[in-house]
């Protein structure tokens, strides 16, 4: 497919965006530093790392304005991704594409815009790095060159996020990447009331495995339990390694009763599983389950609720599943 054909390949573009798994993730310093740099070097009041989803513009970083997303129909960035070269709009009030745009006629009163497409290594424009001014101006070659030099760095940061997302031993998400997934589903719950559940699990007596059989055996247990959990999960679920022998499993679109079924199925599977070793190893695991809701609308609170249930299971004798109490959910 030629570069020109990729500009018209919306399905491929959305797939390229989704591979980064970045939409609705929390702010990150690497991206915020770039938008702050654009504001200072280009001399604009607003700068953004803007990503175009199917029907919205979502900001991974927005410096100078308080917003998280807009409708795609009003996004200047939606025009920037349709061309290979930077999009420069000296006067939005005179441009027929933008003069009636509510972002021009109302707040924040965009007058001038310059945006450079964020092009993935496989050639898709998934968003833009842009400089926005509320006054009339013409972005000169040097200022466009600054944006053009920084835009690939934005994409490199997105690529680095992918490399840093997986734990090398277990193949599960790192703690940071898992928490980002939790935050994403909290945002979906706040916006659309989409249900979700969180399962925390901890391998019982893991220190005993290391002490009796060596750390190599312990590593094999971590690998085996992680692989078993993935094999018992749906493609939409997310497994993360949160500590040495502690894992989290995020279940989108899952009710409390459904999550308990999953947790009990995993507990049974771990207990029955024989891990290749001489001699073969058998372990058990303890589980805590918490559904999303009122009082659990940040990742720390939601994970803490599931963690508390997990440690109730461990204190109660291990190899058990405990549901976090719903006292804090009554107002949901």
C-alpha atoms as a PDB file:
ATOM      1  CA  UNK A   1       0.000   0.000   0.000  1.00  0.00           C
ATOM      2  CA  UNK A   2       1.391   3.404  -0.977  1.00  0.00           C
ATOM      3  CA  UNK A   3       1.664   6.308   1.507  1.00  0.00           C
ATOM      4  CA  UNK A   4      -1.194   8.037  -0.313  1.00  0.00           C
ATOM      5  CA  UNK A   5      -3.387   4.952  -0.030  1.00  0.00           C
ATOM      6  CA  UNK A   6      -2.660   4.739   3.696  1.00  0.00           C
ATOM      7  CA  UNK A   7      -4.019   8.264   4.144  1.00  0.00           C
ATOM      8  CA  UNK A   8      -7.390   6.903   3.008  1.00  0.00           C
ATOM      9  CA  UNK A   9      -7.162   3.597   4.914  1.00  0.00           C
ATOM     10  CA  UNK A  10      -9.207   4.482   8.001  1.00  0.00           C
ATOM     11  CA  UNK A  11      -9.494   0.886   9.237  1.00  0.00           C
ATOM     12  CA  UNK A  12      -5.728   0.469   9.074  1.00  0.00           C
ATOM     13  CA  UNK A  13      -5.208   3.819  10.789  1.00  0.00           C
ATOM     14  CA  UNK A  14      -7.499   2.923  13.690  1.00  0.00           C
ATOM     15  CA  UNK A  15      -5.794  -0.464  14.030  1.00  0.00           C
ATOM     16  CA  UNK A  16      -2.405   1.294  14.158  1.00  0.00           C
ATOM     17  CA  UNK A  17      -3.697   3.619  16.894  1.00  0.00           C
ATOM     18  CA  UNK A  18      -5.187   0.780  18.912  1.00  0.00           C
ATOM     19  CA  UNK A  19      -1.917  -1.147  18.879  1.00  0.00           C
ATOM     20  CA  UNK A  20      -0.441   1.509  21.143  1.00  0.00           C
ATOM     21  CA  UNK A  21      -3.236   0.993  23.722  1.00  0.00           C
ATOM     22  CA  UNK A  22      -2.796   4.614  24.765  1.00  0.00           C
ATOM     23  CA  UNK A  23      -6.303   6.102  24.612  1.00  0.00           C
ATOM     24  CA  UNK A  24      -7.760   7.138  27.996  1.00  0.00           C
ATOM     25  CA  UNK A  25      -4.457   6.575  29.807  1.00  0.00           C
ATOM     26  CA  UNK A  26      -3.273   9.034  32.486  1.00  0.00           C
ATOM     27  CA  UNK A  27      -0.964  11.952  31.791  1.00  0.00           C
ATOM     28  CA  UNK A  28       2.717  11.062  31.400  1.00  0.00           C
ATOM     29  CA  UNK A  29       5.658  13.368  31.878  1.00  0.00           C
ATOM     30  CA  UNK A  30       7.398  12.454  28.632  1.00  0.00           C
ATOM     31  CA  UNK A  31       4.483  13.775  26.563  1.00  0.00           C
ATOM     32  CA  UNK A  32       3.802  16.770  28.811  1.00  0.00           C
ATOM     33  CA  UNK A  33       7.433  17.883  28.451  1.00  0.00           C
ATOM     34  CA  UNK A  34       7.056  17.924  24.677  1.00  0.00           C
ATOM     35  CA  UNK A  35       3.898  20.087  24.683  1.00  0.00           C
ATOM     36  CA  UNK A  36       5.510  22.451  27.204  1.00  0.00           C
ATOM     37  CA  UNK A  37       8.533  22.686  24.910  1.00  0.00           C
ATOM     38  CA  UNK A  38       6.300  23.511  21.938  1.00  0.00           C
ATOM     39  CA  UNK A  39       4.628  26.324  23.872  1.00  0.00           C
ATOM     40  CA  UNK A  40       7.972  27.825  24.809  1.00  0.00           C
ATOM     41  CA  UNK A  41       9.793  27.397  21.497  1.00  0.00           C
ATOM     42  CA  UNK A  42       6.918  28.323  19.185  1.00  0.00           C
ATOM     43  CA  UNK A  43       5.438  30.949  21.513  1.00  0.00           C
ATOM     44  CA  UNK A  44       1.824  29.774  21.635  1.00  0.00           C
ATOM     45  CA  UNK A  45      -0.659  29.613  24.524  1.00  0.00           C
ATOM     46  CA  UNK A  46      -1.814  26.069  23.683  1.00  0.00           C
ATOM     47  CA  UNK A  47      -0.046  22.919  22.530  1.00  0.00           C
ATOM     48  CA  UNK A  48      -1.339  19.352  22.301  1.00  0.00           C
ATOM     49  CA  UNK A  49      -0.544  15.769  21.489  1.00  0.00           C
ATOM     50  CA  UNK A  50      -3.845  14.942  19.833  1.00  0.00           C
ATOM     51  CA  UNK A  51      -4.967  11.460  18.795  1.00  0.00           C
ATOM     52  CA  UNK A  52      -7.924  10.830  16.484  1.00  0.00           C
ATOM     53  CA  UNK A  53     -10.151   7.927  17.489  1.00  0.00           C
ATOM     54  CA  UNK A  54     -13.147   6.733  15.453  1.00  0.00           C
ATOM     55  CA  UNK A  55     -15.427   9.530  16.650  1.00  0.00           C
ATOM     56  CA  UNK A  56     -13.403  11.750  18.954  1.00  0.00           C
ATOM     57  CA  UNK A  57     -10.192  13.681  19.397  1.00  0.00           C
ATOM     58  CA  UNK A  58      -8.402  12.612  22.579  1.00  0.00           C
ATOM     59  CA  UNK A  59      -5.500  14.508  24.124  1.00  0.00           C
ATOM     60  CA  UNK A  60      -2.581  12.514  25.491  1.00  0.00           C
ATOM     61  CA  UNK A  61      -1.142  15.873  26.517  1.00  0.00           C
ATOM     62  CA  UNK A  62      -2.747  19.322  26.444  1.00  0.00           C
ATOM     63  CA  UNK A  63      -0.789  22.312  27.725  1.00  0.00           C
ATOM     64  CA  UNK A  64      -2.642  25.588  28.141  1.00  0.00           C
ATOM     65  CA  UNK A  65      -6.219  24.298  28.155  1.00  0.00           C
ATOM     66  CA  UNK A  66      -8.308  22.134  30.470  1.00  0.00           C
ATOM     67  CA  UNK A  67      -9.885  19.362  28.386  1.00  0.00           C
ATOM     68  CA  UNK A  68      -9.467  15.652  27.696  1.00  0.00           C
ATOM     69  CA  UNK A  69     -11.265  15.212  24.367  1.00  0.00           C
ATOM     70  CA  UNK A  70     -13.543  16.782  21.755  1.00  0.00           C
ATOM     71  CA  UNK A  71     -15.854  15.506  19.071  1.00  0.00           C
ATOM     72  CA  UNK A  72     -13.849  14.441  16.029  1.00  0.00           C
ATOM     73  CA  UNK A  73     -15.983  16.688  13.809  1.00  0.00           C
ATOM     74  CA  UNK A  74     -14.502  19.863  15.319  1.00  0.00           C
ATOM     75  CA  UNK A  75     -10.893  18.666  15.524  1.00  0.00           C
ATOM     76  CA  UNK A  76      -8.334  20.580  13.458  1.00  0.00           C
ATOM     77  CA  UNK A  77      -6.205  17.476  13.947  1.00  0.00           C
ATOM     78  CA  UNK A  78      -8.707  15.453  11.915  1.00  0.00           C
ATOM     79  CA  UNK A  79      -7.663  17.552   8.921  1.00  0.00           C
ATOM     80  CA  UNK A  80      -3.962  17.276   9.775  1.00  0.00           C
ATOM     81  CA  UNK A  81      -4.001  13.471   9.632  1.00  0.00           C
ATOM     82  CA  UNK A  82      -5.434  13.498   6.102  1.00  0.00           C
ATOM     83  CA  UNK A  83      -2.247  14.859   4.560  1.00  0.00           C
ATOM     84  CA  UNK A  84       1.426  13.974   4.571  1.00  0.00           C
ATOM     85  CA  UNK A  85       2.745  17.488   5.124  1.00  0.00           C
ATOM     86  CA  UNK A  86       2.139  19.794   8.132  1.00  0.00           C
ATOM     87  CA  UNK A  87      -1.192  21.608   8.290  1.00  0.00           C
ATOM     88  CA  UNK A  88      -0.821  25.366   8.805  1.00  0.00           C
ATOM     89  CA  UNK A  89      -3.892  27.586   9.269  1.00  0.00           C
ATOM     90  CA  UNK A  90      -2.833  31.264   9.559  1.00  0.00           C
ATOM     91  CA  UNK A  91      -6.390  32.565  10.078  1.00  0.00           C
ATOM     92  CA  UNK A  92      -9.134  30.092  10.991  1.00  0.00           C
ATOM     93  CA  UNK A  93     -11.770  32.814  10.625  1.00  0.00           C
ATOM     94  CA  UNK A  94     -11.007  33.081   6.911  1.00  0.00           C
ATOM     95  CA  UNK A  95     -10.599  29.347   6.262  1.00  0.00           C
ATOM     96  CA  UNK A  96     -13.846  27.791   4.970  1.00  0.00           C
ATOM     97  CA  UNK A  97     -13.000  24.524   6.735  1.00  0.00           C
ATOM     98  CA  UNK A  98     -12.880  26.172  10.164  1.00  0.00           C
ATOM     99  CA  UNK A  99     -14.605  29.562  10.197  1.00  0.00           C
ATOM    100  CA  UNK A 100     -17.856  28.093  11.594  1.00  0.00           C
ATOM    101  CA  UNK A 101     -16.102  25.669  13.933  1.00  0.00           C
ATOM    102  CA  UNK A 102     -17.319  26.135  17.541  1.00  0.00           C
ATOM    103  CA  UNK A 103     -13.702  26.055  18.724  1.00  0.00           C
ATOM    104  CA  UNK A 104     -13.164  29.131  16.548  1.00  0.00           C
ATOM    105  CA  UNK A 105     -16.431  30.970  17.150  1.00  0.00           C
ATOM    106  CA  UNK A 106     -16.492  30.111  20.865  1.00  0.00           C
ATOM    107  CA  UNK A 107     -14.019  28.953  23.513  1.00  0.00           C
ATOM    108  CA  UNK A 108     -11.078  28.714  23.284  1.00  0.00           C
ATOM    109  CA  UNK A 109     -11.286  31.013  20.227  1.00  0.00           C
ATOM    110  CA  UNK A 110      -8.731  29.344  17.979  1.00  0.00           C
ATOM    111  CA  UNK A 111      -7.390  31.788  15.403  1.00  0.00           C
ATOM    112  CA  UNK A 112      -4.214  30.109  14.118  1.00  0.00           C
ATOM    113  CA  UNK A 113      -3.080  26.500  14.054  1.00  0.00           C
ATOM    114  CA  UNK A 114      -0.067  24.434  13.017  1.00  0.00           C
ATOM    115  CA  UNK A 115      -0.103  20.647  13.276  1.00  0.00           C
ATOM    116  CA  UNK A 116       2.341  17.947  12.202  1.00  0.00           C
ATOM    117  CA  UNK A 117       0.984  14.403  11.749  1.00  0.00           C
ATOM    118  CA  UNK A 118       2.109  11.712  14.166  1.00  0.00           C
ATOM    119  CA  UNK A 119       3.104   9.021  11.700  1.00  0.00           C
ATOM    120  CA  UNK A 120       3.634   5.462  12.934  1.00  0.00           C
ATOM    121  CA  UNK A 121       6.560   3.349  11.674  1.00  0.00           C
ATOM    122  CA  UNK A 122       4.100   1.543   9.379  1.00  0.00           C
ATOM    123  CA  UNK A 123       3.010   4.826   7.837  1.00  0.00           C
ATOM    124  CA  UNK A 124      -0.322   5.742   9.436  1.00  0.00           C
ATOM    125  CA  UNK A 125      -1.200   9.201  10.753  1.00  0.00           C
ATOM    126  CA  UNK A 126      -2.833   8.593  14.130  1.00  0.00           C
ATOM    127  CA  UNK A 127      -2.837  12.163  15.413  1.00  0.00           C
ATOM    128  CA  UNK A 128      -0.833  15.352  15.473  1.00  0.00           C
ATOM    129  CA  UNK A 129       1.520  17.464  17.515  1.00  0.00           C
ATOM    130  CA  UNK A 130       0.062  20.928  17.277  1.00  0.00           C
ATOM    131  CA  UNK A 131       0.591  24.553  18.241  1.00  0.00           C
ATOM    132  CA  UNK A 132      -2.531  26.689  18.707  1.00  0.00           C
ATOM    133  CA  UNK A 133      -2.863  30.452  19.052  1.00  0.00           C
ATOM    134  CA  UNK A 134      -5.842  32.627  19.866  1.00  0.00           C
ATOM    135  CA  UNK A 135      -4.399  35.506  17.867  1.00  0.00           C
ATOM    136  CA  UNK A 136      -3.716  35.953  14.173  1.00  0.00           C
ATOM    137  CA  UNK A 137      -0.265  34.725  13.142  1.00  0.00           C
ATOM    138  CA  UNK A 138       1.616  32.935  10.405  1.00  0.00           C
ATOM    139  CA  UNK A 139       3.744  30.016  11.535  1.00  0.00           C
ATOM    140  CA  UNK A 140       7.087  30.402   9.780  1.00  0.00           C
ATOM    141  CA  UNK A 141       9.356  27.634   8.448  1.00  0.00           C
ATOM    142  CA  UNK A 142      11.481  27.572  11.619  1.00  0.00           C
ATOM    143  CA  UNK A 143       8.430  27.064  13.841  1.00  0.00           C
ATOM    144  CA  UNK A 144       7.016  24.348  11.601  1.00  0.00           C
ATOM    145  CA  UNK A 145      10.473  22.729  11.629  1.00  0.00           C
ATOM    146  CA  UNK A 146      10.363  22.631  15.438  1.00  0.00           C
ATOM    147  CA  UNK A 147       7.037  20.776  15.334  1.00  0.00           C
ATOM    148  CA  UNK A 148       8.313  18.493  12.580  1.00  0.00           C
ATOM    149  CA  UNK A 149      11.364  17.637  14.671  1.00  0.00           C
ATOM    150  CA  UNK A 150       9.391  16.919  17.831  1.00  0.00           C
ATOM    151  CA  UNK A 151       6.552  14.903  16.269  1.00  0.00           C
ATOM    152  CA  UNK A 152       8.740  11.796  15.663  1.00  0.00           C
ATOM    153  CA  UNK A 153       9.860  12.004  19.292  1.00  0.00           C
ATOM    154  CA  UNK A 154       6.204  11.739  20.343  1.00  0.00           C
ATOM    155  CA  UNK A 155       5.880   8.551  18.274  1.00  0.00           C
ATOM    156  CA  UNK A 156       9.141   7.220  19.730  1.00  0.00           C
ATOM    157  CA  UNK A 157       7.710   7.727  23.220  1.00  0.00           C
ATOM    158  CA  UNK A 158       4.649   5.753  22.198  1.00  0.00           C
ATOM    159  CA  UNK A 159       6.887   2.972  20.921  1.00  0.00           C
ATOM    160  CA  UNK A 160       8.871   3.010  24.184  1.00  0.00           C
ATOM    161  CA  UNK A 161       5.619   2.632  26.121  1.00  0.00           C
ATOM    162  CA  UNK A 162       5.015  -0.623  24.248  1.00  0.00           C
ATOM    163  CA  UNK A 163       8.500  -1.930  25.027  1.00  0.00           C
ATOM    164  CA  UNK A 164       8.102  -1.092  28.722  1.00  0.00           C
ATOM    165  CA  UNK A 165       4.644  -2.621  29.078  1.00  0.00           C
ATOM    166  CA  UNK A 166       5.598  -6.295  29.425  1.00  0.00           C
ATOM    167  CA  UNK A 167       7.306  -8.047  32.296  1.00  0.00           C
ATOM    168  CA  UNK A 168      10.235  -9.998  30.875  1.00  0.00           C
ATOM    169  CA  UNK A 169       9.703 -13.163  32.946  1.00  0.00           C
ATOM    170  CA  UNK A 170       5.938 -13.632  32.975  1.00  0.00           C
ATOM    171  CA  UNK A 171       4.914 -11.870  29.771  1.00  0.00           C
ATOM    172  CA  UNK A 172       2.206 -10.081  31.780  1.00  0.00           C
ATOM    173  CA  UNK A 173       1.817  -6.315  31.808  1.00  0.00           C
ATOM    174  CA  UNK A 174       4.150  -4.401  34.096  1.00  0.00           C
ATOM    175  CA  UNK A 175       2.597  -2.756  37.124  1.00  0.00           C
ATOM    176  CA  UNK A 176       2.711   0.636  35.424  1.00  0.00           C
ATOM    177  CA  UNK A 177       1.016  -0.651  32.272  1.00  0.00           C
ATOM    178  CA  UNK A 178      -1.590  -2.567  34.272  1.00  0.00           C
ATOM    179  CA  UNK A 179      -2.472   0.492  36.360  1.00  0.00           C
ATOM    180  CA  UNK A 180      -2.878   2.435  33.109  1.00  0.00           C
ATOM    181  CA  UNK A 181      -5.399  -0.206  31.958  1.00  0.00           C
ATOM    182  CA  UNK A 182      -7.238   0.098  35.276  1.00  0.00           C
ATOM    183  CA  UNK A 183      -7.367   3.893  34.866  1.00  0.00           C
ATOM    184  CA  UNK A 184      -8.716   3.478  31.343  1.00  0.00           C
ATOM    185  CA  UNK A 185     -11.615   1.339  32.533  1.00  0.00           C
ATOM    186  CA  UNK A 186     -12.337   3.732  35.371  1.00  0.00           C
ATOM    187  CA  UNK A 187     -12.697   6.453  32.723  1.00  0.00           C
ATOM    188  CA  UNK A 188     -15.094   4.215  30.763  1.00  0.00           C
ATOM    189  CA  UNK A 189     -17.128   3.615  33.910  1.00  0.00           C
ATOM    190  CA  UNK A 190     -17.332   7.326  34.693  1.00  0.00           C
ATOM    191  CA  UNK A 191     -18.306   8.184  31.124  1.00  0.00           C
ATOM    192  CA  UNK A 192     -20.538   5.260  30.159  1.00  0.00           C
ATOM    193  CA  UNK A 193     -21.116   3.244  33.381  1.00  0.00           C
ATOM    194  CA  UNK A 194     -19.469   0.201  31.807  1.00  0.00           C
ATOM    195  CA  UNK A 195     -19.038  -2.587  34.393  1.00  0.00           C
ATOM    196  CA  UNK A 196     -15.664  -4.111  35.182  1.00  0.00           C
ATOM    197  CA  UNK A 197     -14.088  -6.284  37.848  1.00  0.00           C
ATOM    198  CA  UNK A 198     -10.609  -6.689  39.245  1.00  0.00           C
ATOM    199  CA  UNK A 199      -9.077  -9.921  40.513  1.00  0.00           C
ATOM    200  CA  UNK A 200      -5.885  -9.898  42.548  1.00  0.00           C
ATOM    201  CA  UNK A 201      -4.060 -13.207  43.044  1.00  0.00           C
ATOM    202  CA  UNK A 202      -0.989 -14.178  44.998  1.00  0.00           C
ATOM    203  CA  UNK A 203       0.883 -17.496  44.767  1.00  0.00           C
ATOM    204  CA  UNK A 204       0.765 -19.177  48.164  1.00  0.00           C
ATOM    205  CA  UNK A 205       4.001 -19.985  50.016  1.00  0.00           C
ATOM    206  CA  UNK A 206       6.104 -18.761  47.105  1.00  0.00           C
ATOM    207  CA  UNK A 207       9.148 -18.181  49.327  1.00  0.00           C
ATOM    208  CA  UNK A 208       9.014 -21.858  50.242  1.00  0.00           C
ATOM    209  CA  UNK A 209       9.360 -22.756  46.539  1.00  0.00           C
ATOM    210  CA  UNK A 210      12.456 -20.590  46.185  1.00  0.00           C
ATOM    211  CA  UNK A 211      13.985 -21.867  49.420  1.00  0.00           C
ATOM    212  CA  UNK A 212      13.318 -25.544  48.670  1.00  0.00           C
ATOM    213  CA  UNK A 213      13.929 -25.704  44.931  1.00  0.00           C
ATOM    214  CA  UNK A 214      15.928 -22.590  44.031  1.00  0.00           C
ATOM    215  CA  UNK A 215      15.090 -19.352  42.249  1.00  0.00           C
ATOM    216  CA  UNK A 216      15.050 -21.068  38.876  1.00  0.00           C
ATOM    217  CA  UNK A 217      12.091 -23.117  40.049  1.00  0.00           C
ATOM    218  CA  UNK A 218      10.454 -19.977  41.382  1.00  0.00           C
ATOM    219  CA  UNK A 219      10.820 -18.348  37.972  1.00  0.00           C
ATOM    220  CA  UNK A 220       9.240 -21.409  36.368  1.00  0.00           C
ATOM    221  CA  UNK A 221       6.263 -21.122  38.735  1.00  0.00           C
ATOM    222  CA  UNK A 222       5.816 -17.438  37.831  1.00  0.00           C
ATOM    223  CA  UNK A 223       5.920 -18.273  34.122  1.00  0.00           C
ATOM    224  CA  UNK A 224       3.504 -21.189  34.505  1.00  0.00           C
ATOM    225  CA  UNK A 225       0.915 -19.339  36.590  1.00  0.00           C
ATOM    226  CA  UNK A 226       1.011 -16.360  34.229  1.00  0.00           C
ATOM    227  CA  UNK A 227       0.572 -18.606  31.174  1.00  0.00           C
ATOM    228  CA  UNK A 228      -2.270 -20.467  32.891  1.00  0.00           C
ATOM    229  CA  UNK A 229      -4.089 -17.219  33.731  1.00  0.00           C
ATOM    230  CA  UNK A 230      -3.748 -15.984  30.154  1.00  0.00           C
ATOM    231  CA  UNK A 231      -5.067 -19.273  28.795  1.00  0.00           C
ATOM    232  CA  UNK A 232      -8.132 -18.962  31.037  1.00  0.00           C
ATOM    233  CA  UNK A 233      -8.806 -15.316  30.072  1.00  0.00           C
ATOM    234  CA  UNK A 234     -10.570 -13.533  27.233  1.00  0.00           C
ATOM    235  CA  UNK A 235      -8.687 -11.407  24.678  1.00  0.00           C
ATOM    236  CA  UNK A 236     -10.249  -8.302  26.238  1.00  0.00           C
ATOM    237  CA  UNK A 237      -8.926  -9.120  29.735  1.00  0.00           C
ATOM    238  CA  UNK A 238      -5.618  -7.694  30.992  1.00  0.00           C
ATOM    239  CA  UNK A 239      -3.151  -9.598  33.161  1.00  0.00           C
ATOM    240  CA  UNK A 240      -0.472  -7.700  35.056  1.00  0.00           C
ATOM    241  CA  UNK A 241       2.386  -8.723  37.330  1.00  0.00           C
ATOM    242  CA  UNK A 242       2.162  -6.300  40.238  1.00  0.00           C
ATOM    243  CA  UNK A 243       4.833  -7.745  42.503  1.00  0.00           C
ATOM    244  CA  UNK A 244       7.106 -10.744  42.881  1.00  0.00           C
ATOM    245  CA  UNK A 245       4.342 -13.369  42.964  1.00  0.00           C
ATOM    246  CA  UNK A 246       1.280 -11.118  42.825  1.00  0.00           C
ATOM    247  CA  UNK A 247      -0.836 -10.670  39.709  1.00  0.00           C
ATOM    248  CA  UNK A 248      -3.868  -8.605  38.760  1.00  0.00           C
ATOM    249  CA  UNK A 249      -6.514  -9.584  36.230  1.00  0.00           C
ATOM    250  CA  UNK A 250      -8.778  -6.843  34.866  1.00  0.00           C
ATOM    251  CA  UNK A 251     -12.112  -8.060  33.485  1.00  0.00           C
ATOM    252  CA  UNK A 252     -14.027  -5.530  31.337  1.00  0.00           C
ATOM    253  CA  UNK A 253     -17.803  -5.848  30.959  1.00  0.00           C
ATOM    254  CA  UNK A 254     -17.934  -8.228  33.916  1.00  0.00           C
ATOM    255  CA  UNK A 255     -20.371  -8.338  36.828  1.00  0.00           C
ATOM    256  CA  UNK A 256     -19.564  -9.323  40.399  1.00  0.00           C
ATOM    257  CA  UNK A 257     -21.049 -12.810  40.032  1.00  0.00           C
ATOM    258  CA  UNK A 258     -19.228 -13.380  36.733  1.00  0.00           C
ATOM    259  CA  UNK A 259     -15.930 -12.270  38.273  1.00  0.00           C
ATOM    260  CA  UNK A 260     -16.372 -14.695  41.157  1.00  0.00           C
ATOM    261  CA  UNK A 261     -16.914 -17.528  38.681  1.00  0.00           C
ATOM    262  CA  UNK A 262     -13.682 -16.574  36.898  1.00  0.00           C
ATOM    263  CA  UNK A 263     -11.743 -16.359  40.178  1.00  0.00           C
ATOM    264  CA  UNK A 264     -12.953 -19.768  41.355  1.00  0.00           C
ATOM    265  CA  UNK A 265     -12.141 -21.282  37.960  1.00  0.00           C
ATOM    266  CA  UNK A 266      -8.608 -19.872  38.150  1.00  0.00           C
ATOM    267  CA  UNK A 267      -8.156 -21.079  41.725  1.00  0.00           C
ATOM    268  CA  UNK A 268      -9.159 -24.599  40.681  1.00  0.00           C
ATOM    269  CA  UNK A 269      -6.914 -24.487  37.600  1.00  0.00           C
ATOM    270  CA  UNK A 270      -3.850 -23.379  39.591  1.00  0.00           C
ATOM    271  CA  UNK A 271      -4.427 -26.047  42.232  1.00  0.00           C
ATOM    272  CA  UNK A 272      -4.696 -28.823  39.607  1.00  0.00           C
ATOM    273  CA  UNK A 273      -1.806 -27.624  37.437  1.00  0.00           C
ATOM    274  CA  UNK A 274       1.447 -29.581  37.409  1.00  0.00           C
ATOM    275  CA  UNK A 275       4.492 -27.412  36.726  1.00  0.00           C
ATOM    276  CA  UNK A 276       7.329 -29.067  34.847  1.00  0.00           C
ATOM    277  CA  UNK A 277      10.276 -29.597  37.184  1.00  0.00           C
ATOM    278  CA  UNK A 278      12.228 -32.411  38.835  1.00  0.00           C
ATOM    279  CA  UNK A 279      10.256 -33.256  40.896  1.00  0.00           C
ATOM    280  CA  UNK A 280       7.055 -31.699  39.419  1.00  0.00           C
ATOM    281  CA  UNK A 281       5.781 -28.676  41.327  1.00  0.00           C
ATOM    282  CA  UNK A 282       2.279 -27.927  42.564  1.00  0.00           C
ATOM    283  CA  UNK A 283       1.183 -24.587  43.995  1.00  0.00           C
ATOM    284  CA  UNK A 284      -2.014 -22.871  45.048  1.00  0.00           C
ATOM    285  CA  UNK A 285      -3.048 -19.227  44.932  1.00  0.00           C
ATOM    286  CA  UNK A 286      -5.281 -16.865  46.902  1.00  0.00           C
ATOM    287  CA  UNK A 287      -7.685 -14.452  45.219  1.00  0.00           C
ATOM    288  CA  UNK A 288      -9.402 -11.148  45.995  1.00  0.00           C
ATOM    289  CA  UNK A 289     -12.220  -9.770  43.821  1.00  0.00           C
ATOM    290  CA  UNK A 290     -13.530  -6.192  43.632  1.00  0.00           C
ATOM    291  CA  UNK A 291     -15.986  -4.658  41.161  1.00  0.00           C
ATOM    292  CA  UNK A 292     -15.764  -1.060  40.071  1.00  0.00           C
ATOM    293  CA  UNK A 293     -18.097   1.490  41.609  1.00  0.00           C
ATOM    294  CA  UNK A 294     -18.467   4.403  44.005  1.00  0.00           C
ATOM    295  CA  UNK A 295     -15.439   4.676  46.269  1.00  0.00           C
ATOM    296  CA  UNK A 296     -13.274   2.865  43.734  1.00  0.00           C
ATOM    297  CA  UNK A 297     -12.955   5.530  41.071  1.00  0.00           C
ATOM    298  CA  UNK A 298      -9.192   5.770  41.104  1.00  0.00           C
ATOM    299  CA  UNK A 299      -6.730   2.968  40.492  1.00  0.00           C
ATOM    300  CA  UNK A 300      -5.266   3.108  44.000  1.00  0.00           C
ATOM    301  CA  UNK A 301      -8.663   2.661  45.695  1.00  0.00           C
ATOM    302  CA  UNK A 302      -9.880  -0.078  43.358  1.00  0.00           C
ATOM    303  CA  UNK A 303      -6.665  -2.101  43.544  1.00  0.00           C
ATOM    304  CA  UNK A 304      -6.570  -1.608  47.327  1.00  0.00           C
ATOM    305  CA  UNK A 305     -10.092  -3.036  47.653  1.00  0.00           C
ATOM    306  CA  UNK A 306      -9.155  -6.163  45.698  1.00  0.00           C
ATOM    307  CA  UNK A 307      -5.842  -6.402  47.579  1.00  0.00           C
ATOM    308  CA  UNK A 308      -7.614  -6.264  50.958  1.00  0.00           C
ATOM    309  CA  UNK A 309      -9.869  -9.143  49.901  1.00  0.00           C
ATOM    310  CA  UNK A 310      -6.819 -11.070  48.691  1.00  0.00           C
ATOM    311  CA  UNK A 311      -5.098 -10.767  52.049  1.00  0.00           C
ATOM    312  CA  UNK A 312      -8.300 -11.818  53.822  1.00  0.00           C
ATOM    313  CA  UNK A 313      -8.070 -14.977  51.706  1.00  0.00           C
ATOM    314  CA  UNK A 314      -4.432 -15.478  52.740  1.00  0.00           C
ATOM    315  CA  UNK A 315      -5.156 -14.875  56.417  1.00  0.00           C
ATOM    316  CA  UNK A 316      -8.103 -17.278  56.229  1.00  0.00           C
ATOM    317  CA  UNK A 317      -5.938 -20.213  55.190  1.00  0.00           C
ATOM    318  CA  UNK A 318      -4.986 -19.481  51.531  1.00  0.00           C
ATOM    319  CA  UNK A 319      -6.138 -21.245  48.351  1.00  0.00           C
ATOM    320  CA  UNK A 320      -9.411 -19.302  48.561  1.00  0.00           C
ATOM    321  CA  UNK A 321     -11.441 -16.576  46.846  1.00  0.00           C
ATOM    322  CA  UNK A 322     -12.757 -13.591  48.808  1.00  0.00           C
ATOM    323  CA  UNK A 323     -15.050 -10.859  47.485  1.00  0.00           C
ATOM    324  CA  UNK A 324     -14.395  -7.282  48.615  1.00  0.00           C
ATOM    325  CA  UNK A 325     -17.406  -5.996  50.597  1.00  0.00           C
ATOM    326  CA  UNK A 326     -19.724  -3.641  48.785  1.00  0.00           C
ATOM    327  CA  UNK A 327     -20.212  -1.126  51.621  1.00  0.00           C
ATOM    328  CA  UNK A 328     -18.630   1.638  49.567  1.00  0.00           C
ATOM    329  CA  UNK A 329     -20.741   0.823  46.515  1.00  0.00           C
ATOM    330  CA  UNK A 330     -24.190   1.590  47.901  1.00  0.00           C
ATOM    331  CA  UNK A 331     -24.160   5.125  46.520  1.00  0.00           C
ATOM    332  CA  UNK A 332     -23.193   3.945  43.015  1.00  0.00           C
END
